[in-house]
C-alpha atoms as a PDB file:
ATOM      1  CA  UNK A   1      87.699 263.014  63.672  1.00  0.00           C
ATOM      2  CA  UNK A   2      87.264 265.950  61.325  1.00  0.00           C
ATOM      3  CA  UNK A   3      87.322 269.413  62.876  1.00  0.00           C
ATOM      4  CA  UNK A   4      86.055 271.266  59.793  1.00  0.00           C
ATOM      5  CA  UNK A   5      82.623 271.884  61.286  1.00  0.00           C
ATOM      6  CA  UNK A   6      81.000 269.768  58.572  1.00  0.00           C
ATOM      7  CA  UNK A   7      80.232 266.085  58.328  1.00  0.00           C
ATOM      8  CA  UNK A   8      79.771 264.075  55.168  1.00  0.00           C
ATOM      9  CA  UNK A   9      78.604 260.650  54.122  1.00  0.00           C
ATOM     10  CA  UNK A  10      78.782 259.134  50.649  1.00  0.00           C
ATOM     11  CA  UNK A  11      77.976 256.076  48.574  1.00  0.00           C
ATOM     12  CA  UNK A  12      78.307 254.700  45.049  1.00  0.00           C
ATOM     13  CA  UNK A  13      76.058 251.835  43.976  1.00  0.00           C
ATOM     14  CA  UNK A  14      76.235 250.108  40.569  1.00  0.00           C
ATOM     15  CA  UNK A  15      73.161 249.293  38.522  1.00  0.00           C
ATOM     16  CA  UNK A  16      75.102 246.498  36.799  1.00  0.00           C
ATOM     17  CA  UNK A  17      78.470 244.819  37.027  1.00  0.00           C
ATOM     18  CA  UNK A  18      80.566 247.972  36.700  1.00  0.00           C
ATOM     19  CA  UNK A  19      79.877 251.303  38.372  1.00  0.00           C
ATOM     20  CA  UNK A  20      80.795 254.395  36.354  1.00  0.00           C
ATOM     21  CA  UNK A  21      80.012 256.848  39.163  1.00  0.00           C
ATOM     22  CA  UNK A  22      82.791 258.177  41.380  1.00  0.00           C
ATOM     23  CA  UNK A  23      82.781 260.465  44.445  1.00  0.00           C
ATOM     24  CA  UNK A  24      85.387 261.976  46.731  1.00  0.00           C
ATOM     25  CA  UNK A  25      85.442 264.311  49.737  1.00  0.00           C
ATOM     26  CA  UNK A  26      88.512 266.336  50.727  1.00  0.00           C
ATOM     27  CA  UNK A  27      88.757 267.939  54.145  1.00  0.00           C
ATOM     28  CA  UNK A  28      90.491 271.253  54.784  1.00  0.00           C
ATOM     29  CA  UNK A  29      90.885 273.320  57.934  1.00  0.00           C
ATOM     30  CA  UNK A  30      88.002 275.606  56.965  1.00  0.00           C
ATOM     31  CA  UNK A  31      85.697 273.295  55.055  1.00  0.00           C
ATOM     32  CA  UNK A  32      85.303 270.435  52.599  1.00  0.00           C
ATOM     33  CA  UNK A  33      85.509 270.006  48.847  1.00  0.00           C
ATOM     34  CA  UNK A  34      83.144 267.482  47.293  1.00  0.00           C
ATOM     35  CA  UNK A  35      83.522 266.084  43.787  1.00  0.00           C
ATOM     36  CA  UNK A  36      81.118 263.759  41.970  1.00  0.00           C
ATOM     37  CA  UNK A  37      81.703 262.337  38.481  1.00  0.00           C
ATOM     38  CA  UNK A  38      79.596 260.102  36.245  1.00  0.00           C
ATOM     39  CA  UNK A  39      81.299 258.421  33.314  1.00  0.00           C
ATOM     40  CA  UNK A  40      79.252 258.466  30.119  1.00  0.00           C
ATOM     41  CA  UNK A  41      77.917 255.106  29.047  1.00  0.00           C
ATOM     42  CA  UNK A  42      77.627 253.998  25.470  1.00  0.00           C
ATOM     43  CA  UNK A  43      80.936 255.362  24.203  1.00  0.00           C
ATOM     44  CA  UNK A  44      83.332 253.274  26.299  1.00  0.00           C
ATOM     45  CA  UNK A  45      85.797 254.288  28.997  1.00  0.00           C
ATOM     46  CA  UNK A  46      83.260 256.069  31.155  1.00  0.00           C
ATOM     47  CA  UNK A  47      84.650 254.628  34.375  1.00  0.00           C
ATOM     48  CA  UNK A  48      88.189 255.643  33.396  1.00  0.00           C
ATOM     49  CA  UNK A  49      87.034 259.155  32.525  1.00  0.00           C
ATOM     50  CA  UNK A  50      85.291 259.522  35.889  1.00  0.00           C
ATOM     51  CA  UNK A  51      88.392 258.297  37.700  1.00  0.00           C
ATOM     52  CA  UNK A  52      90.522 260.824  35.820  1.00  0.00           C
ATOM     53  CA  UNK A  53      88.158 263.655  36.738  1.00  0.00           C
ATOM     54  CA  UNK A  54      88.199 262.682  40.418  1.00  0.00           C
ATOM     55  CA  UNK A  55      91.999 262.376  40.428  1.00  0.00           C
ATOM     56  CA  UNK A  56      92.571 265.717  38.687  1.00  0.00           C
ATOM     57  CA  UNK A  57      90.142 267.664  40.870  1.00  0.00           C
ATOM     58  CA  UNK A  58      91.547 266.064  44.015  1.00  0.00           C
ATOM     59  CA  UNK A  59      95.106 267.014  43.032  1.00  0.00           C
ATOM     60  CA  UNK A  60      94.155 270.689  42.596  1.00  0.00           C
ATOM     61  CA  UNK A  61      91.406 271.165  45.176  1.00  0.00           C
ATOM     62  CA  UNK A  62      91.587 274.298  47.305  1.00  0.00           C
ATOM     63  CA  UNK A  63      89.176 276.240  49.498  1.00  0.00           C
ATOM     64  CA  UNK A  64      90.451 279.499  47.983  1.00  0.00           C
ATOM     65  CA  UNK A  65      89.045 278.932  44.485  1.00  0.00           C
ATOM     66  CA  UNK A  66      86.096 281.041  43.381  1.00  0.00           C
ATOM     67  CA  UNK A  67      83.486 279.868  40.858  1.00  0.00           C
ATOM     68  CA  UNK A  68      85.468 281.031  37.846  1.00  0.00           C
ATOM     69  CA  UNK A  69      88.604 279.328  39.128  1.00  0.00           C
ATOM     70  CA  UNK A  70      86.689 276.071  39.473  1.00  0.00           C
ATOM     71  CA  UNK A  71      85.416 276.519  35.916  1.00  0.00           C
ATOM     72  CA  UNK A  72      88.983 277.088  34.765  1.00  0.00           C
ATOM     73  CA  UNK A  73      90.107 273.876  36.434  1.00  0.00           C
ATOM     74  CA  UNK A  74      87.328 271.883  34.748  1.00  0.00           C
ATOM     75  CA  UNK A  75      88.266 273.381  31.377  1.00  0.00           C
ATOM     76  CA  UNK A  76      91.827 272.158  31.921  1.00  0.00           C
ATOM     77  CA  UNK A  77      90.604 268.711  32.948  1.00  0.00           C
ATOM     78  CA  UNK A  78      88.465 268.567  29.806  1.00  0.00           C
ATOM     79  CA  UNK A  79      91.714 268.215  27.828  1.00  0.00           C
ATOM     80  CA  UNK A  80      93.355 265.784  30.275  1.00  0.00           C
ATOM     81  CA  UNK A  81      90.752 263.025  30.048  1.00  0.00           C
ATOM     82  CA  UNK A  82      92.430 260.535  27.750  1.00  0.00           C
ATOM     83  CA  UNK A  83      89.679 257.921  27.516  1.00  0.00           C
ATOM     84  CA  UNK A  84      85.900 258.378  27.628  1.00  0.00           C
ATOM     85  CA  UNK A  85      83.819 261.299  28.861  1.00  0.00           C
ATOM     86  CA  UNK A  86      82.368 262.275  32.234  1.00  0.00           C
ATOM     87  CA  UNK A  87      80.169 264.711  34.088  1.00  0.00           C
ATOM     88  CA  UNK A  88      81.511 266.572  37.117  1.00  0.00           C
ATOM     89  CA  UNK A  89      80.190 268.619  39.999  1.00  0.00           C
ATOM     90  CA  UNK A  90      82.742 270.120  42.374  1.00  0.00           C
ATOM     91  CA  UNK A  91      81.581 272.010  45.461  1.00  0.00           C
ATOM     92  CA  UNK A  92      83.581 273.781  48.172  1.00  0.00           C
ATOM     93  CA  UNK A  93      81.607 274.165  51.412  1.00  0.00           C
ATOM     94  CA  UNK A  94      82.690 276.428  54.271  1.00  0.00           C
ATOM     95  CA  UNK A  95      81.223 278.742  56.899  1.00  0.00           C
ATOM     96  CA  UNK A  96      81.336 281.458  54.223  1.00  0.00           C
ATOM     97  CA  UNK A  97      78.973 279.575  51.928  1.00  0.00           C
ATOM     98  CA  UNK A  98      79.137 277.370  48.845  1.00  0.00           C
ATOM     99  CA  UNK A  99      81.091 277.774  45.624  1.00  0.00           C
ATOM    100  CA  UNK A 100      81.646 275.370  42.754  1.00  0.00           C
ATOM    101  CA  UNK A 101      81.152 274.440  39.101  1.00  0.00           C
ATOM    102  CA  UNK A 102      79.608 271.686  37.030  1.00  0.00           C
ATOM    103  CA  UNK A 103      79.620 270.029  33.621  1.00  0.00           C
ATOM    104  CA  UNK A 104      76.935 267.544  32.606  1.00  0.00           C
ATOM    105  CA  UNK A 105      73.816 266.425  34.457  1.00  0.00           C
ATOM    106  CA  UNK A 106      75.110 265.516  37.907  1.00  0.00           C
ATOM    107  CA  UNK A 107      73.688 268.031  40.358  1.00  0.00           C
ATOM    108  CA  UNK A 108      74.125 269.841  43.678  1.00  0.00           C
ATOM    109  CA  UNK A 109      70.989 270.418  45.753  1.00  0.00           C
ATOM    110  CA  UNK A 110      70.667 272.630  48.820  1.00  0.00           C
ATOM    111  CA  UNK A 111      67.821 271.574  51.103  1.00  0.00           C
ATOM    112  CA  UNK A 112      66.577 273.969  53.781  1.00  0.00           C
ATOM    113  CA  UNK A 113      63.252 274.972  55.308  1.00  0.00           C
ATOM    114  CA  UNK A 114      61.377 272.279  53.398  1.00  0.00           C
ATOM    115  CA  UNK A 115      62.591 273.531  50.020  1.00  0.00           C
ATOM    116  CA  UNK A 116      65.063 272.239  47.463  1.00  0.00           C
ATOM    117  CA  UNK A 117      67.314 274.621  45.531  1.00  0.00           C
ATOM    118  CA  UNK A 118      69.232 273.240  42.556  1.00  0.00           C
ATOM    119  CA  UNK A 119      72.585 275.049  42.683  1.00  0.00           C
ATOM    120  CA  UNK A 120      73.489 273.573  39.284  1.00  0.00           C
ATOM    121  CA  UNK A 121      70.289 274.653  37.518  1.00  0.00           C
ATOM    122  CA  UNK A 122      72.260 276.698  34.988  1.00  0.00           C
ATOM    123  CA  UNK A 123      74.644 273.907  33.980  1.00  0.00           C
ATOM    124  CA  UNK A 124      75.308 272.952  30.354  1.00  0.00           C
ATOM    125  CA  UNK A 125      74.772 269.209  30.075  1.00  0.00           C
ATOM    126  CA  UNK A 126      76.761 268.526  26.900  1.00  0.00           C
ATOM    127  CA  UNK A 127      79.552 268.341  25.758  1.00  0.00           C
ATOM    128  CA  UNK A 128      81.059 266.440  28.688  1.00  0.00           C
ATOM    129  CA  UNK A 129      84.571 266.513  30.121  1.00  0.00           C
ATOM    130  CA  UNK A 130      86.820 264.597  27.773  1.00  0.00           C
ATOM    131  CA  UNK A 131      85.171 265.979  24.652  1.00  0.00           C
ATOM    132  CA  UNK A 132      87.526 268.963  24.484  1.00  0.00           C
ATOM    133  CA  UNK A 133      84.497 271.250  24.177  1.00  0.00           C
ATOM    134  CA  UNK A 134      82.953 271.182  27.660  1.00  0.00           C
ATOM    135  CA  UNK A 135      81.497 274.425  29.026  1.00  0.00           C
ATOM    136  CA  UNK A 136      81.672 274.490  32.847  1.00  0.00           C
ATOM    137  CA  UNK A 137      79.205 276.726  34.685  1.00  0.00           C
ATOM    138  CA  UNK A 138      79.994 278.106  38.132  1.00  0.00           C
ATOM    139  CA  UNK A 139      77.667 278.702  41.058  1.00  0.00           C
ATOM    140  CA  UNK A 140      77.763 280.328  44.481  1.00  0.00           C
ATOM    141  CA  UNK A 141      75.506 280.478  47.505  1.00  0.00           C
ATOM    142  CA  UNK A 142      76.308 282.714  50.444  1.00  0.00           C
ATOM    143  CA  UNK A 143      74.419 280.872  53.165  1.00  0.00           C
ATOM    144  CA  UNK A 144      75.745 278.178  55.455  1.00  0.00           C
ATOM    145  CA  UNK A 145      74.159 274.977  54.140  1.00  0.00           C
ATOM    146  CA  UNK A 146      71.589 273.105  56.191  1.00  0.00           C
ATOM    147  CA  UNK A 147      71.927 269.999  54.026  1.00  0.00           C
ATOM    148  CA  UNK A 148      73.746 269.656  50.727  1.00  0.00           C
ATOM    149  CA  UNK A 149      73.320 266.720  48.352  1.00  0.00           C
ATOM    150  CA  UNK A 150      75.698 266.240  45.420  1.00  0.00           C
ATOM    151  CA  UNK A 151      74.613 263.350  43.221  1.00  0.00           C
ATOM    152  CA  UNK A 152      74.651 261.755  39.793  1.00  0.00           C
ATOM    153  CA  UNK A 153      71.659 261.475  37.489  1.00  0.00           C
ATOM    154  CA  UNK A 154      70.939 257.943  38.697  1.00  0.00           C
ATOM    155  CA  UNK A 155      69.539 259.626  41.803  1.00  0.00           C
ATOM    156  CA  UNK A 156      68.520 263.101  40.644  1.00  0.00           C
ATOM    157  CA  UNK A 157      66.497 261.948  37.646  1.00  0.00           C
ATOM    158  CA  UNK A 158      64.469 259.340  39.505  1.00  0.00           C
ATOM    159  CA  UNK A 159      63.861 260.497  43.068  1.00  0.00           C
ATOM    160  CA  UNK A 160      60.422 261.877  43.882  1.00  0.00           C
ATOM    161  CA  UNK A 161      61.227 265.287  45.271  1.00  0.00           C
ATOM    162  CA  UNK A 162      58.087 265.523  47.396  1.00  0.00           C
ATOM    163  CA  UNK A 163      58.992 262.229  49.081  1.00  0.00           C
ATOM    164  CA  UNK A 164      62.580 263.397  49.513  1.00  0.00           C
ATOM    165  CA  UNK A 165      61.593 266.646  51.204  1.00  0.00           C
ATOM    166  CA  UNK A 166      59.047 264.897  53.410  1.00  0.00           C
ATOM    167  CA  UNK A 167      61.398 262.239  54.739  1.00  0.00           C
ATOM    168  CA  UNK A 168      64.966 263.482  54.542  1.00  0.00           C
ATOM    169  CA  UNK A 169      65.180 265.423  57.811  1.00  0.00           C
ATOM    170  CA  UNK A 170      63.952 262.419  59.779  1.00  0.00           C
ATOM    171  CA  UNK A 171      66.543 259.951  58.529  1.00  0.00           C
ATOM    172  CA  UNK A 172      69.619 259.438  60.672  1.00  0.00           C
ATOM    173  CA  UNK A 173      72.562 261.058  58.922  1.00  0.00           C
ATOM    174  CA  UNK A 174      74.746 257.977  59.328  1.00  0.00           C
ATOM    175  CA  UNK A 175      72.445 255.987  57.012  1.00  0.00           C
ATOM    176  CA  UNK A 176      71.109 258.871  54.922  1.00  0.00           C
ATOM    177  CA  UNK A 177      72.772 258.151  51.592  1.00  0.00           C
ATOM    178  CA  UNK A 178      71.837 254.465  51.753  1.00  0.00           C
ATOM    179  CA  UNK A 179      68.219 255.453  52.364  1.00  0.00           C
ATOM    180  CA  UNK A 180      68.363 257.852  49.419  1.00  0.00           C
ATOM    181  CA  UNK A 181      69.475 255.018  47.152  1.00  0.00           C
ATOM    182  CA  UNK A 182      66.443 253.014  48.283  1.00  0.00           C
ATOM    183  CA  UNK A 183      64.199 255.902  47.207  1.00  0.00           C
ATOM    184  CA  UNK A 184      65.169 255.289  43.567  1.00  0.00           C
ATOM    185  CA  UNK A 185      65.291 251.510  43.624  1.00  0.00           C
ATOM    186  CA  UNK A 186      62.748 249.685  41.453  1.00  0.00           C
ATOM    187  CA  UNK A 187      60.300 247.157  42.952  1.00  0.00           C
ATOM    188  CA  UNK A 188      62.458 244.465  41.360  1.00  0.00           C
ATOM    189  CA  UNK A 189      65.398 245.611  43.459  1.00  0.00           C
ATOM    190  CA  UNK A 190      67.262 246.959  40.438  1.00  0.00           C
ATOM    191  CA  UNK A 191      68.355 250.550  39.791  1.00  0.00           C
ATOM    192  CA  UNK A 192      67.658 252.610  36.693  1.00  0.00           C
ATOM    193  CA  UNK A 193      71.300 253.716  36.612  1.00  0.00           C
ATOM    194  CA  UNK A 194      74.438 253.806  38.748  1.00  0.00           C
ATOM    195  CA  UNK A 195      74.030 256.057  41.776  1.00  0.00           C
ATOM    196  CA  UNK A 196      76.643 258.271  43.414  1.00  0.00           C
ATOM    197  CA  UNK A 197      75.688 260.571  46.314  1.00  0.00           C
ATOM    198  CA  UNK A 198      77.515 262.764  48.827  1.00  0.00           C
ATOM    199  CA  UNK A 199      75.577 264.389  51.680  1.00  0.00           C
ATOM    200  CA  UNK A 200      77.066 267.233  53.718  1.00  0.00           C
ATOM    201  CA  UNK A 201      75.785 269.245  56.671  1.00  0.00           C
ATOM    202  CA  UNK A 202      77.114 271.292  59.581  1.00  0.00           C
ATOM    203  CA  UNK A 203      77.969 269.034  62.505  1.00  0.00           C
ATOM    204  CA  UNK A 204      75.012 268.299  64.797  1.00  0.00           C
ATOM    205  CA  UNK A 205      72.839 270.624  62.722  1.00  0.00           C
ATOM    206  CA  UNK A 206      69.805 268.389  63.203  1.00  0.00           C
ATOM    207  CA  UNK A 207      70.519 267.217  66.722  1.00  0.00           C
ATOM    208  CA  UNK A 208      67.390 268.862  68.107  1.00  0.00           C
ATOM    209  CA  UNK A 209      65.086 266.862  65.838  1.00  0.00           C
ATOM    210  CA  UNK A 210      63.659 263.471  66.690  1.00  0.00           C
ATOM    211  CA  UNK A 211      65.144 260.882  64.330  1.00  0.00           C
ATOM    212  CA  UNK A 212      64.125 257.441  63.347  1.00  0.00           C
ATOM    213  CA  UNK A 213      65.405 254.781  60.990  1.00  0.00           C
ATOM    214  CA  UNK A 214      62.978 254.010  58.168  1.00  0.00           C
ATOM    215  CA  UNK A 215      63.891 250.317  58.060  1.00  0.00           C
END
């Protein structure tokens, strides 16, 4: 059982035969580091690029990095991706707040008090990691997160935010990310795109609320 004070849940779901989205969560004594990558389709090697990004961030993850240090790491990784290109959002979450960096259109959302704040609003979407020209953008937030979502564009581009904000606090955390995937599923049962999501919150943060499963 993790003693970081935070709990996470994650999922990746393919829209076709091969999923190009990757996620990972690393636990430290004082918090967690979350990384989400989405390999670019259409140019080949997207899944390999995403795997490289996850591996490189995981190997160098630390709770002591500030936003510029995370940007520096992503600039290094930009030249280490041998095949394909990928987005990346990396977020370190602790009692001190949130710090991270992003490249591409995967996003980090902070949800609190019925509002959604896009921590990655200032990101530069192209070029991606693996191009050799990526421009990472850092971000910080000094509050302890109520609920943090880090996700690829297969979720962020298609979810109805008003529906998300209305329902999210009432979904049991254990099944939250699976329910979020259902929010962007087409009536046919298909997905517009691969989906990768990590949810993070302080432990038992919502224990006082009545919960129900939307199944």
